[in-house]
Protein backbone atom coordinates (compact mmCIF):
# COMPACT_ATOMS: atom_id res chain seq x y z
CA MET A 1 23.74 33.94 -11.80
CA PRO A 2 22.49 33.41 -15.62
CA SER A 3 21.77 36.82 -17.42
CA VAL A 4 18.89 37.46 -19.68
CA SER A 5 19.92 40.09 -22.66
CA LYS A 6 17.91 42.74 -23.66
CA ALA A 7 17.62 41.10 -26.97
CA ALA A 8 15.56 38.27 -25.02
CA VAL A 9 13.59 40.76 -23.39
CA LEU A 10 12.45 42.26 -26.39
CA ALA A 11 11.41 38.79 -28.17
CA LEU A 12 9.06 38.20 -25.15
CA PRO A 13 5.35 38.10 -26.23
CA VAL A 14 3.46 41.85 -25.82
CA ALA A 15 0.60 41.47 -24.23
CA ARG A 16 -2.35 43.82 -24.23
CA ARG A 17 -2.27 46.22 -21.20
CA THR A 18 -5.08 45.90 -18.92
CA PRO A 19 -6.61 49.57 -17.83
CA HIS A 20 -7.80 48.32 -14.59
CA ARG A 21 -5.58 46.47 -12.00
CA LEU A 22 -8.31 43.84 -11.15
CA GLY A 23 -8.01 42.82 -14.81
CA ASP A 24 -4.37 41.58 -14.58
CA PRO A 25 -5.03 37.68 -14.37
CA ALA A 26 -1.72 37.50 -12.12
CA ILE A 27 -3.69 39.32 -9.54
CA TRP A 28 -6.34 36.49 -9.30
CA PHE A 29 -3.63 33.88 -9.85
CA PHE A 30 -2.16 35.20 -6.70
CA ALA A 31 -5.28 35.84 -4.95
CA VAL A 32 -5.97 32.24 -5.61
CA LEU A 33 -2.55 31.17 -4.39
CA ILE A 34 -2.70 33.10 -0.86
CA ALA A 35 -5.95 31.49 -0.23
CA VAL A 36 -4.36 28.01 -1.10
CA LEU A 37 -1.54 29.37 1.52
CA LEU A 38 -4.07 30.30 4.09
CA LEU A 39 -5.75 26.79 3.74
CA LEU A 40 -2.66 25.00 4.07
CA VAL A 41 -0.98 26.60 7.14
CA ALA A 42 -3.92 28.36 9.19
CA ASN A 43 -6.54 25.44 9.25
CA PRO A 44 -4.20 22.68 10.77
CA ILE A 45 -2.92 24.84 13.20
CA LEU A 46 -6.06 26.76 14.46
CA ARG A 47 -7.64 23.48 14.42
CA LEU A 48 -4.69 22.29 16.67
CA VAL A 49 -5.50 24.89 19.04
CA TRP A 50 -9.48 24.69 18.74
CA ASP A 51 -9.26 21.07 19.79
CA SER A 52 -7.01 21.83 22.66
CA PHE A 53 -9.60 23.75 24.41
CA HIS A 54 -12.84 21.60 23.19
CA THR A 55 -14.11 18.27 24.15
CA ALA A 56 -14.78 15.41 21.64
CA GLU A 57 -18.48 16.51 21.37
CA GLY A 58 -17.44 20.47 20.86
CA GLN A 59 -17.91 21.79 24.21
CA TRP A 60 -15.79 24.27 25.41
CA SER A 61 -13.53 22.79 28.40
CA LEU A 62 -10.02 22.70 29.89
CA GLN A 63 -10.32 19.00 30.74
CA SER A 64 -7.74 18.07 28.19
CA TYR A 65 -5.04 20.22 29.61
CA ALA A 66 -5.83 18.70 33.19
CA GLN A 67 -6.03 15.36 31.45
CA ALA A 68 -3.04 15.68 29.73
CA LEU A 69 -0.41 17.95 31.77
CA GLY A 70 -2.06 16.97 35.39
CA ARG A 71 -0.37 13.06 35.12
CA SER A 72 3.19 12.66 36.50
CA ARG A 73 4.22 10.30 33.93
CA ASN A 74 3.07 13.15 31.35
CA LEU A 75 5.21 15.99 32.80
CA GLN A 76 7.87 13.53 33.50
CA ALA A 77 8.14 12.87 29.73
CA LEU A 78 8.00 16.65 28.83
CA LEU A 79 11.18 16.67 31.40
CA ASN A 80 12.71 14.00 29.64
CA SER A 81 12.65 15.42 26.21
CA LEU A 82 14.28 18.52 27.70
CA TYR A 83 17.14 16.53 29.26
CA LEU A 84 17.50 14.61 25.72
CA GLY A 85 17.45 18.02 23.75
CA ALA A 86 20.48 19.31 26.16
CA ALA A 87 22.39 16.17 25.77
CA VAL A 88 21.73 16.07 22.00
CA THR A 89 22.43 20.01 21.69
CA ALA A 90 25.90 19.40 23.53
CA LEU A 91 27.03 16.29 21.57
CA ALA A 92 26.11 18.00 18.23
CA LEU A 93 28.16 21.16 19.42
CA LEU A 94 31.32 18.89 19.85
CA LEU A 95 30.98 17.41 16.72
CA GLY A 96 29.85 20.34 14.24
CA VAL A 97 32.07 23.50 15.58
CA PRO A 98 35.38 21.60 15.59
CA LEU A 99 34.68 20.55 11.90
CA ALA A 100 33.45 24.15 10.79
CA LEU A 101 36.35 25.41 12.34
CA ALA A 102 38.90 22.86 10.46
CA VAL A 103 37.37 23.42 6.98
CA SER A 104 36.83 27.27 6.93
CA ARG A 105 39.87 28.67 8.99
CA THR A 106 42.61 25.73 8.96
CA ASN A 107 45.06 24.28 6.44
CA MET A 108 43.86 20.29 7.79
CA PRO A 109 44.20 18.29 4.64
CA GLY A 110 41.10 16.48 3.31
CA ARG A 111 38.81 19.26 4.10
CA GLY A 112 36.84 18.75 1.01
CA PHE A 113 36.48 14.92 1.95
CA THR A 114 34.87 16.27 5.44
CA HIS A 115 32.73 18.88 3.90
CA LEU A 116 31.50 15.93 1.65
CA SER A 117 30.98 13.68 4.83
CA VAL A 118 28.87 16.57 6.52
CA LEU A 119 26.49 16.32 3.43
CA ALA A 120 26.25 12.73 3.38
CA ALA A 121 25.30 12.52 7.10
CA PHE A 122 22.75 15.21 6.36
CA VAL A 123 21.33 13.02 3.48
CA MET A 124 21.47 9.82 5.77
CA PRO A 125 18.00 9.42 7.20
CA ASN A 126 17.91 9.30 10.93
CA PHE A 127 15.92 6.44 11.40
CA LEU A 128 18.13 4.70 9.33
CA GLY A 129 21.27 5.61 11.19
CA ALA A 130 19.15 4.65 14.26
CA ILE A 131 18.69 0.85 12.89
CA ALA A 132 22.36 0.84 11.46
CA TRP A 133 23.74 1.51 15.24
CA ILE A 134 21.12 -1.16 16.88
CA LEU A 135 23.07 -3.60 14.54
CA LEU A 136 26.28 -1.97 15.62
CA ALA A 137 26.14 -1.35 19.41
CA GLY A 138 22.85 -3.59 20.28
CA PRO A 139 23.65 -4.77 23.97
CA ASN A 140 23.65 -8.46 22.64
CA ALA A 141 23.63 -9.07 19.30
CA GLY A 142 25.43 -5.36 18.47
CA TRP A 143 28.46 -6.10 15.87
CA LEU A 144 30.79 -3.95 17.66
CA ASN A 145 29.91 -5.84 21.29
CA ARG A 146 30.35 -9.17 19.38
CA LEU A 147 34.05 -7.84 18.01
CA VAL A 148 35.00 -6.62 21.60
CA VAL A 149 33.93 -10.20 23.07
CA GLU A 150 35.85 -11.93 20.66
CA LEU A 151 38.85 -9.92 20.64
CA LEU A 152 39.40 -9.35 24.29
CA GLY A 153 37.23 -12.68 25.60
CA THR A 154 35.11 -10.65 28.05
CA ALA A 155 31.65 -11.63 28.90
CA LYS A 156 29.62 -9.02 27.01
CA GLY A 157 30.41 -5.84 25.00
CA PRO A 158 30.67 -2.33 26.47
CA PHE A 159 27.98 -0.89 24.25
CA ASN A 160 24.45 -0.31 25.08
CA ILE A 161 22.47 1.89 22.44
CA PHE A 162 19.53 1.38 24.26
CA SER A 163 20.15 4.08 26.98
CA PHE A 164 19.55 7.75 27.05
CA TRP A 165 23.03 8.40 26.46
CA GLY A 166 23.12 6.13 23.21
CA LEU A 167 19.62 7.91 21.93
CA ALA A 168 21.35 11.14 22.31
CA PHE A 169 24.45 10.00 20.43
CA VAL A 170 22.46 8.54 17.66
CA ILE A 171 20.30 11.81 17.43
CA ALA A 172 23.32 14.04 17.37
CA LEU A 173 25.03 12.33 14.83
CA TYR A 174 22.67 13.36 12.23
CA THR A 175 22.00 16.71 13.53
CA TYR A 176 25.07 18.10 13.71
CA PRO A 177 25.27 19.30 10.02
CA LEU A 178 23.11 22.06 11.11
CA ILE A 179 25.81 23.25 13.59
CA TYR A 180 28.33 22.66 10.90
CA VAL A 181 26.48 24.53 8.24
CA PHE A 182 25.73 27.90 10.72
CA THR A 183 29.28 28.02 11.92
CA LYS A 184 31.11 27.47 8.74
CA SER A 185 28.72 29.93 7.05
CA ALA A 186 29.79 32.63 9.92
CA LEU A 187 33.38 31.94 9.68
CA ASP A 188 33.67 32.37 5.99
CA LEU A 189 32.59 35.60 6.52
CA VAL A 190 35.18 36.40 9.03
CA SER A 191 38.21 38.24 7.56
CA THR A 192 41.63 37.37 9.01
CA GLU A 193 42.67 40.85 9.28
CA LEU A 194 41.03 40.96 12.64
CA GLU A 195 42.95 37.60 13.67
CA ASP A 196 46.42 38.92 12.39
CA ALA A 197 45.72 42.23 14.66
CA ALA A 198 45.32 39.64 17.54
CA SER A 199 48.40 37.60 16.52
CA ILE A 200 50.57 40.81 16.28
CA HIS A 201 49.57 41.54 19.81
CA GLY A 202 51.33 38.56 21.15
CA ALA A 203 48.26 36.21 20.97
CA GLY A 204 49.11 32.71 19.95
CA LYS A 205 46.90 30.88 17.17
CA PHE A 206 44.53 28.74 19.51
CA GLN A 207 43.97 31.93 21.81
CA THR A 208 43.15 34.32 18.62
CA MET A 209 40.76 31.49 17.77
CA ALA A 210 39.29 31.24 21.60
CA ARG A 211 39.59 35.22 22.01
CA VAL A 212 38.58 36.77 18.29
CA THR A 213 37.29 34.05 15.97
CA LEU A 214 34.75 32.00 17.67
CA PRO A 215 33.15 35.09 19.53
CA LEU A 216 32.25 36.48 16.49
CA VAL A 217 30.44 33.47 15.39
CA LEU A 218 28.93 32.75 18.43
CA PRO A 219 25.52 34.27 17.56
CA SER A 220 25.28 31.81 14.96
CA ILE A 221 26.52 28.91 17.04
CA VAL A 222 24.04 29.77 19.48
CA GLY A 223 21.43 30.25 16.67
CA ALA A 224 21.81 26.38 15.29
CA ALA A 225 22.17 25.10 18.78
CA ILE A 226 18.35 26.44 19.35
CA LEU A 227 17.49 24.43 16.14
CA ILE A 228 18.93 21.46 17.33
CA PHE A 229 17.37 21.44 20.58
CA LEU A 230 14.15 22.07 19.38
CA GLU A 231 15.03 19.47 16.56
CA ALA A 232 15.80 16.56 19.56
CA ILE A 233 12.77 17.53 21.37
CA ALA A 234 10.14 17.27 18.27
CA LEU A 235 12.06 13.99 17.05
CA TYR A 236 9.85 10.59 16.77
CA GLY A 237 11.67 8.23 14.34
CA THR A 238 14.91 7.72 16.59
CA PRO A 239 12.98 7.79 19.69
CA ALA A 240 10.65 5.00 18.78
CA LEU A 241 13.58 2.95 17.51
CA ILE A 242 15.87 3.36 20.45
CA ALA A 243 13.39 5.18 23.58
CA ILE A 244 10.63 2.62 23.87
CA PRO A 245 12.89 -0.41 23.67
CA ALA A 246 14.70 1.48 26.20
CA ARG A 247 11.85 2.23 28.35
CA ILE A 248 12.62 6.10 28.20
CA ASN A 249 9.32 8.10 28.37
CA LEU A 250 9.36 11.06 25.86
CA ALA A 251 7.15 13.64 24.86
CA THR A 252 6.53 12.69 21.27
CA THR A 253 6.29 8.83 21.99
CA GLN A 254 3.83 10.22 24.74
CA ILE A 255 1.88 12.28 21.79
CA VAL A 256 1.45 8.93 20.12
CA SER A 257 -0.11 6.90 22.99
CA PHE A 258 -2.83 9.18 22.78
CA PHE A 259 -3.45 8.02 18.95
CA GLN A 260 -3.91 4.69 20.33
CA TYR A 261 -7.50 3.20 21.16
CA PRO A 262 -9.23 4.88 22.48
CA LEU A 263 -8.39 7.97 20.19
CA GLN A 264 -7.60 11.12 22.09
CA VAL A 265 -6.98 13.65 19.58
CA GLU A 266 -8.05 16.53 22.06
CA ARG A 267 -5.62 15.63 24.86
CA ALA A 268 -2.70 15.35 22.28
CA ALA A 269 -3.56 18.77 21.35
CA ALA A 270 -3.35 20.10 24.66
CA PHE A 271 -0.19 17.75 25.58
CA SER A 272 1.24 19.79 22.49
CA MET A 273 0.79 23.43 23.42
CA PRO A 274 3.92 23.61 26.00
CA ILE A 275 6.08 22.23 23.42
CA LEU A 276 4.58 24.65 20.75
CA LEU A 277 4.87 27.52 22.81
CA LEU A 278 8.39 26.94 23.87
CA THR A 279 9.44 26.17 20.08
CA ILE A 280 7.87 29.71 19.41
CA VAL A 281 10.14 31.47 22.01
CA LEU A 282 13.21 29.72 21.04
CA LEU A 283 13.07 30.93 17.65
CA MET A 284 12.13 34.17 18.30
CA LEU A 285 15.25 34.22 20.32
CA GLN A 286 17.12 32.52 17.57
CA ARG A 287 16.06 35.02 15.14
CA LYS A 288 16.86 38.09 17.25
CA LEU A 289 20.80 36.22 17.43
CA LEU A 290 21.12 35.78 13.80
CA ALA A 291 20.01 39.49 13.46
CA ARG A 292 23.01 40.71 15.07
CA ARG A 293 25.62 38.86 13.15
CA GLY A 294 26.25 41.73 10.98
CA TYR A 295 28.77 42.90 13.38
CA VAL A 296 30.94 40.17 12.36
CA SER A 297 31.79 42.49 9.11
CA VAL A 298 33.60 45.50 10.61
CA SER A 299 34.13 47.62 7.30
CA GLY A 300 32.46 47.56 3.70
CA LYS A 301 35.38 46.06 1.92
CA GLY A 302 35.50 42.34 2.31
CA GLY A 303 39.19 41.22 4.11
CA GLU A 304 41.32 38.72 2.92
CA ARG A 305 40.79 35.23 4.29
CA ARG A 306 43.64 32.62 4.78
CA PRO A 307 43.60 29.26 6.58
CA PHE A 308 45.44 29.15 9.85
CA ASP A 309 48.58 26.70 9.70
CA ILE A 310 48.25 24.87 12.92
CA GLY A 311 51.10 22.78 12.13
CA SER A 312 50.83 19.18 13.61
CA TRP A 313 47.51 19.71 15.17
CA LYS A 314 46.31 19.58 11.53
CA TRP A 315 46.79 15.83 11.57
CA LEU A 316 44.65 15.29 15.07
CA LEU A 317 41.89 17.37 13.34
CA LEU A 318 42.11 15.21 10.19
CA GLY A 319 41.75 12.31 12.48
CA TYR A 320 38.73 13.50 14.31
CA SER A 321 37.06 14.06 10.96
CA VAL A 322 37.53 10.88 9.88
CA LEU A 323 36.43 9.20 13.19
CA VAL A 324 33.23 11.55 12.93
CA ALA A 325 32.64 10.44 9.40
CA LEU A 326 33.47 6.96 10.70
CA LEU A 327 30.55 7.06 13.04
CA THR A 328 27.70 8.93 10.73
CA VAL A 329 28.22 7.54 7.71
CA ILE A 330 30.91 4.88 6.84
CA LEU A 331 30.12 2.60 9.84
CA PRO A 332 25.98 3.04 9.42
CA LEU A 333 26.39 2.33 5.70
CA ALA A 334 28.49 -0.50 5.81
CA ILE A 335 26.20 -2.52 8.42
CA LEU A 336 23.52 -1.70 6.39
CA ILE A 337 25.08 -3.01 3.55
CA LEU A 338 26.31 -6.49 5.32
CA ALA A 339 22.64 -6.78 6.98
CA SER A 340 20.92 -6.34 3.57
CA LEU A 341 22.86 -8.98 2.17
CA SER A 342 22.83 -10.84 4.87
CA LYS A 343 20.38 -14.28 5.36
CA ALA A 344 20.51 -13.56 9.24
CA TRP A 345 22.04 -10.89 10.21
CA GLY A 346 22.97 -12.03 13.52
CA ARG A 347 25.00 -14.62 12.18
CA GLY A 348 27.80 -12.70 11.22
CA LEU A 349 29.87 -12.10 8.14
CA SER A 350 30.78 -15.31 6.26
CA LEU A 351 30.33 -16.60 2.60
CA ASP A 352 27.37 -18.90 3.16
CA ASN A 353 25.34 -16.15 5.19
CA LEU A 354 25.49 -13.75 2.04
CA THR A 355 22.47 -13.39 -0.33
CA LEU A 356 20.92 -10.90 -2.74
CA ALA A 357 17.35 -12.62 -2.07
CA ASN A 358 16.80 -9.59 0.52
CA PHE A 359 16.64 -7.60 -2.84
CA HIS A 360 14.82 -9.65 -4.97
CA SER A 361 12.05 -10.04 -2.22
CA ILE A 362 11.66 -6.45 -1.50
CA PHE A 363 11.27 -5.82 -5.53
CA PHE A 364 9.26 -9.03 -6.70
CA GLU A 365 7.74 -10.67 -3.57
CA GLN A 366 6.82 -7.89 -0.38
CA LEU A 367 4.68 -5.75 -2.32
CA THR A 368 4.17 -3.46 0.93
CA VAL A 369 7.81 -2.71 0.44
CA ARG A 370 8.09 -1.99 -2.97
CA ALA A 371 4.75 0.36 -2.43
CA ALA A 372 6.31 2.02 0.43
CA ILE A 373 9.70 2.78 -1.69
CA LEU A 374 7.62 3.94 -4.47
CA ASN A 375 5.39 6.01 -2.40
CA THR A 376 8.07 7.63 -1.10
CA VAL A 377 9.81 8.66 -4.11
CA LEU A 378 6.17 9.41 -5.65
CA TYR A 379 5.25 11.60 -2.57
CA SER A 380 8.35 13.37 -2.34
CA GLY A 381 8.79 14.33 -5.73
CA ALA A 382 5.22 15.90 -6.06
CA THR A 383 5.68 17.85 -2.32
CA ALA A 384 8.99 19.09 -4.08
CA LEU A 385 7.34 20.44 -7.15
CA VAL A 386 4.84 22.08 -5.39
CA CYS A 387 6.86 23.52 -2.61
CA VAL A 388 8.84 25.00 -5.53
CA GLY A 389 6.08 26.36 -7.71
CA MET A 390 4.35 27.84 -4.72
CA GLY A 391 7.82 28.91 -3.12
CA ILE A 392 8.84 30.96 -6.35
CA CYS A 393 5.50 32.63 -6.78
CA ILE A 394 5.00 33.57 -2.78
CA ALA A 395 8.38 35.12 -3.06
CA TYR A 396 7.91 37.05 -6.23
CA ALA A 397 4.63 38.58 -4.74
CA THR A 398 6.01 39.25 -1.24
CA GLN A 399 8.92 40.73 -2.64
CA ARG A 400 7.66 43.05 -5.41
CA ARG A 401 4.47 43.42 -3.07
CA ILE A 402 1.93 42.52 -5.67
CA THR A 403 -0.49 41.43 -3.00
CA PRO A 404 -1.70 43.24 -0.21
CA PHE A 405 -0.40 42.44 3.33
CA PRO A 406 3.14 40.94 2.03
CA THR A 407 4.32 40.75 5.23
CA PHE A 408 1.42 39.08 6.98
CA VAL A 409 1.83 36.64 3.84
CA GLN A 410 5.40 35.55 4.16
CA PHE A 411 4.51 35.21 7.65
CA MET A 412 2.31 32.76 7.04
CA ALA A 413 4.22 31.02 4.33
CA LEU A 414 7.20 30.78 7.27
CA ALA A 415 4.72 30.09 10.05
CA PRO A 416 5.26 26.24 9.57
CA VAL A 417 9.10 26.28 10.80
CA ALA A 418 7.55 27.07 14.37
CA VAL A 419 5.32 24.05 14.50
CA PRO A 420 7.16 20.79 15.14
CA GLY A 421 6.45 17.96 12.77
CA LEU A 422 4.62 15.87 15.07
CA ILE A 423 2.59 18.63 16.37
CA LEU A 424 1.90 19.59 12.85
CA ALA A 425 0.46 16.21 12.40
CA ILE A 426 -1.88 16.52 14.98
CA GLY A 427 -3.38 19.61 13.31
CA LEU A 428 -3.47 18.20 10.10
CA TYR A 429 -5.10 14.92 11.11
CA ALA A 430 -7.56 17.11 13.23
CA ALA A 431 -8.06 19.53 10.24
CA TYR A 432 -8.12 16.63 7.18
CA ALA A 433 -8.96 13.78 8.28
CA GLY A 434 -12.90 13.68 8.85
CA PRO A 435 -15.34 15.51 7.08
CA PRO A 436 -15.62 17.28 4.94
CA PHE A 437 -12.31 16.36 3.29
CA SER A 438 -11.95 12.73 4.84
CA LEU A 439 -8.69 12.52 3.55
CA TYR A 440 -7.53 10.24 6.41
CA GLY A 441 -5.15 7.30 4.69
CA MET A 442 -4.33 9.05 0.99
CA GLY A 443 -1.45 9.91 -0.37
CA VAL A 444 -2.75 13.38 -1.47
CA LEU A 445 -2.96 13.88 2.45
CA ILE A 446 0.95 13.06 2.71
CA VAL A 447 1.54 15.52 0.19
CA ILE A 448 -0.39 17.91 1.96
CA ALA A 449 1.44 17.68 4.95
CA PHE A 450 4.83 17.68 3.42
CA THR A 451 3.83 20.97 1.75
CA THR A 452 2.68 22.38 4.59
CA ARG A 453 5.66 21.30 6.37
CA PHE A 454 8.66 22.27 4.36
CA LEU A 455 7.21 25.17 2.20
CA PRO A 456 8.96 27.20 4.41
CA ILE A 457 12.76 26.27 2.59
CA SER A 458 11.34 26.73 -0.67
CA VAL A 459 10.27 30.41 0.40
CA ALA A 460 12.85 31.12 2.15
CA ALA A 461 15.35 30.49 -0.86
CA SER A 462 13.26 31.91 -3.48
CA SER A 463 12.88 34.97 -1.33
CA ALA A 464 16.52 35.44 -1.16
CA GLY A 465 16.78 35.00 -4.92
CA VAL A 466 14.18 37.39 -6.10
CA ARG A 467 15.73 39.66 -3.35
CA ALA A 468 18.97 39.67 -5.06
CA LEU A 469 17.58 40.47 -8.60
CA ASN A 470 18.20 43.94 -10.11
CA PRO A 471 14.16 44.11 -11.49
CA GLU A 472 15.08 46.58 -14.25
CA LEU A 473 14.76 43.67 -16.85
CA GLU A 474 11.14 43.05 -15.40
CA GLU A 475 10.23 46.65 -15.50
CA ALA A 476 11.16 46.32 -19.23
CA VAL A 477 9.01 43.72 -19.71
CA ARG A 478 5.88 45.52 -18.18
CA ILE A 479 6.97 48.66 -20.16
CA LEU A 480 6.37 46.23 -23.05
CA GLY A 481 3.03 45.31 -22.37
CA GLY A 482 3.85 41.88 -20.43
CA GLY A 483 1.96 40.98 -17.71
CA ARG A 484 3.22 39.72 -14.22
CA LEU A 485 2.80 35.87 -15.12
CA THR A 486 5.10 36.43 -17.87
CA VAL A 487 7.68 38.24 -16.02
CA LEU A 488 7.58 35.09 -13.53
CA THR A 489 7.97 32.77 -16.21
CA GLN A 490 10.06 33.53 -18.87
CA VAL A 491 12.13 36.33 -16.68
CA VAL A 492 12.44 35.70 -12.85
CA ALA A 493 12.17 31.76 -12.81
CA PRO A 494 15.26 31.40 -15.53
CA LEU A 495 17.48 33.66 -13.60
CA LEU A 496 16.83 31.82 -10.41
CA LYS A 497 17.20 28.24 -11.94
CA LYS A 498 19.63 27.01 -9.98
CA THR A 499 17.85 28.15 -6.62
CA LEU A 500 15.08 26.57 -7.75
CA VAL A 501 16.50 23.46 -8.71
CA GLY A 502 18.68 23.39 -5.36
CA ALA A 503 15.68 23.85 -3.07
CA PHE A 504 13.59 21.24 -5.36
CA ILE A 505 16.31 18.71 -4.60
CA LEU A 506 16.60 19.86 -0.80
CA VAL A 507 12.79 19.43 -0.22
CA PHE A 508 12.72 15.98 -1.96
CA VAL A 509 15.72 14.87 -0.01
CA ILE A 510 14.27 16.19 3.34
CA CYS A 511 10.58 14.27 2.47
CA THR A 512 12.27 11.25 2.14
CA LYS A 513 13.79 11.21 5.73
CA GLU A 514 10.06 12.39 7.37
CA LEU A 515 8.72 10.49 9.85
CA SER A 516 7.31 12.79 12.21
CA THR A 517 4.53 14.36 9.98
CA ALA A 518 3.70 11.06 8.37
CA VAL A 519 3.46 8.80 11.46
CA PHE A 520 -0.43 9.51 12.08
CA LEU A 521 -1.67 10.21 8.40
CA THR A 522 -0.34 7.44 6.34
CA GLY A 523 -2.71 4.41 5.61
CA PRO A 524 -2.36 0.77 4.33
CA GLU A 525 -2.23 2.05 0.68
CA SER A 526 -0.08 5.26 1.24
CA ARG A 527 2.89 4.11 3.67
CA VAL A 528 6.09 5.81 3.44
CA VAL A 529 9.74 4.06 3.80
CA SER A 530 10.29 5.96 7.12
CA VAL A 531 6.49 4.54 8.38
CA LEU A 532 7.23 0.87 7.25
CA THR A 533 10.67 1.18 9.11
CA LEU A 534 8.95 0.91 12.33
CA ASP A 535 6.80 -1.88 11.46
CA LEU A 536 9.70 -3.90 10.09
CA SER A 537 11.55 -3.34 13.22
CA GLU A 538 9.01 -4.13 15.73
CA GLN A 539 8.78 -7.51 13.80
CA GLY A 540 12.55 -8.08 13.96
CA ASN A 541 13.18 -8.19 10.38
CA TYR A 542 16.74 -6.24 9.97
CA GLU A 543 17.34 -8.00 6.86
CA THR A 544 14.48 -6.72 4.41
CA LEU A 545 14.63 -3.12 6.73
CA ALA A 546 18.19 -2.53 5.68
CA ALA A 547 17.74 -3.92 1.99
CA MET A 548 14.96 -1.06 2.04
CA GLY A 549 17.06 1.35 3.51
CA VAL A 550 19.93 0.49 1.02
CA VAL A 551 17.95 1.16 -1.82
CA LEU A 552 16.26 4.61 -0.45
CA VAL A 553 19.96 5.83 0.15
CA VAL A 554 21.10 4.77 -3.48
CA ILE A 555 18.03 6.79 -4.90
CA VAL A 556 18.58 10.03 -2.44
CA THR A 557 22.36 9.59 -3.29
CA ILE A 558 21.34 9.58 -7.11
CA VAL A 559 19.16 12.62 -6.88
CA VAL A 560 21.60 14.60 -4.65
CA GLY A 561 24.34 13.79 -7.33
CA ILE A 562 21.83 15.35 -10.21
CA GLY A 563 21.43 18.43 -7.82
CA MET A 564 25.21 18.57 -7.37
CA ARG A 565 25.72 18.78 -11.18
CA LEU A 566 22.78 21.32 -12.06
CA ALA A 567 22.91 23.47 -9.03
CA GLY A 568 26.20 23.35 -7.73
CA ARG A 569 28.25 21.44 -5.46
CA ASP A 570 27.01 23.61 -2.20
CA PHE A 571 23.44 23.69 -3.23
CA MET A 572 21.87 22.05 0.12
CA LEU A 573 24.23 24.09 2.09
CA ARG A 574 23.20 27.71 0.39
CA ARG A 575 22.81 30.11 2.79
CA SER A 576 19.68 32.27 2.27
């Protein structure tokens, strides 16, 4: 962490001390900030609950609940989503936990490669991963199926991505990094002294890992599994691309059907309530579990952490990590690049089928695609900037207790975590689409939606940073007459520069992948890449779609590279 010298503090401009607390401009600044926060968070959530208990004419009624939850088709959609969540969670655990153990606790070679492959899987938009796997494992024209047919001479290939397990597999490929991060972070805190004690008493390496290491990090694993489950049941992009053609009815696809003509916002709000309540309950359970993770450390001294020598098993683990990287990053990126360079992706790989026309088309001919790419970068950058600015201000105001009711303010800033993106989008639509705001289809509504959804990331990171700062330098500035804003801009923000840069890049990357929040809110002039992906996939225009995806991946990779240069290699996996 960078340091601020006493000379630098003494050089700060000295402001005249005001005789009354209300005369401090910082108090009014933070008051306005809290008002904006309440408008961002409370307005859509309260409007969502309000609409669920009212008719379109504004009359109190439970009619929407009866219509939304009284049909067997809708209840089956909820059950299917729960089954999907369980399947995705199980697959993500199989992918993430072994990799975390391998990187954190073993002498497996290539641990840096494995770590970077997980980061790449996190960066990869799940909707692009779904498109890639449609091209790879589609039942008829999928390249893997065609390869099997050509090699074995069978009538058809064995893979069908348009199935329940195909859907669960694709979602798990791009959500397992959360399992990896939580598990690895907990494993990094476990001293090998405990494992050495088990070895002294005759336990083998795998027995020690199963009976000592894994139980110590079990709360973190379960906490991450809960987040994976919630992500799976609330995801829309991958189900829209795979579940709808496979005729699998899910809660998210059913919610979207309420937004077809005639518009049924009240019914959508009522149908969302069970998912919202389940999310809140599971997040409370997750928080309770993670609050217990302190028992991993059994003493005040940091113990030695040595990797296990697992012998020849390390090569098996390396092969597994390469397989996961192949499935999550290498194969999907390869097929997207090949499709983007193809005149017709179904014709296979040949010199006469290669072309750069798809890239020329999206930059110079198809204005819709070019506008979507520009919108994605612009809205993501604006959202990241707003989130970082609001996040550090809210964190400083609450951690230093400048505002009244700091606990409540912190709760409001983190509350959107408990609202799935698609459900939050319904509340945002109800709150801002019509009068008095009338923002539907405008870019500013997308920025508002993204800011509301991802503000908790910045607030959590900034709060952890502010808590770690010694307030002595801040007090020195205050003694010299500097106001709170001077302290914030010239002491706190410079000290937390890496944290803020990391939060900016993280929010930017997540915004480029976001579909659930944007699907109801974009108009013809404000479409982003994630929403346009659905339109192009319905048209079967996979060549243009692949080219657009490759451009987006290149942009995000450049931004992530800048983030790693400025904030460190693990800026996106930092614990907060």
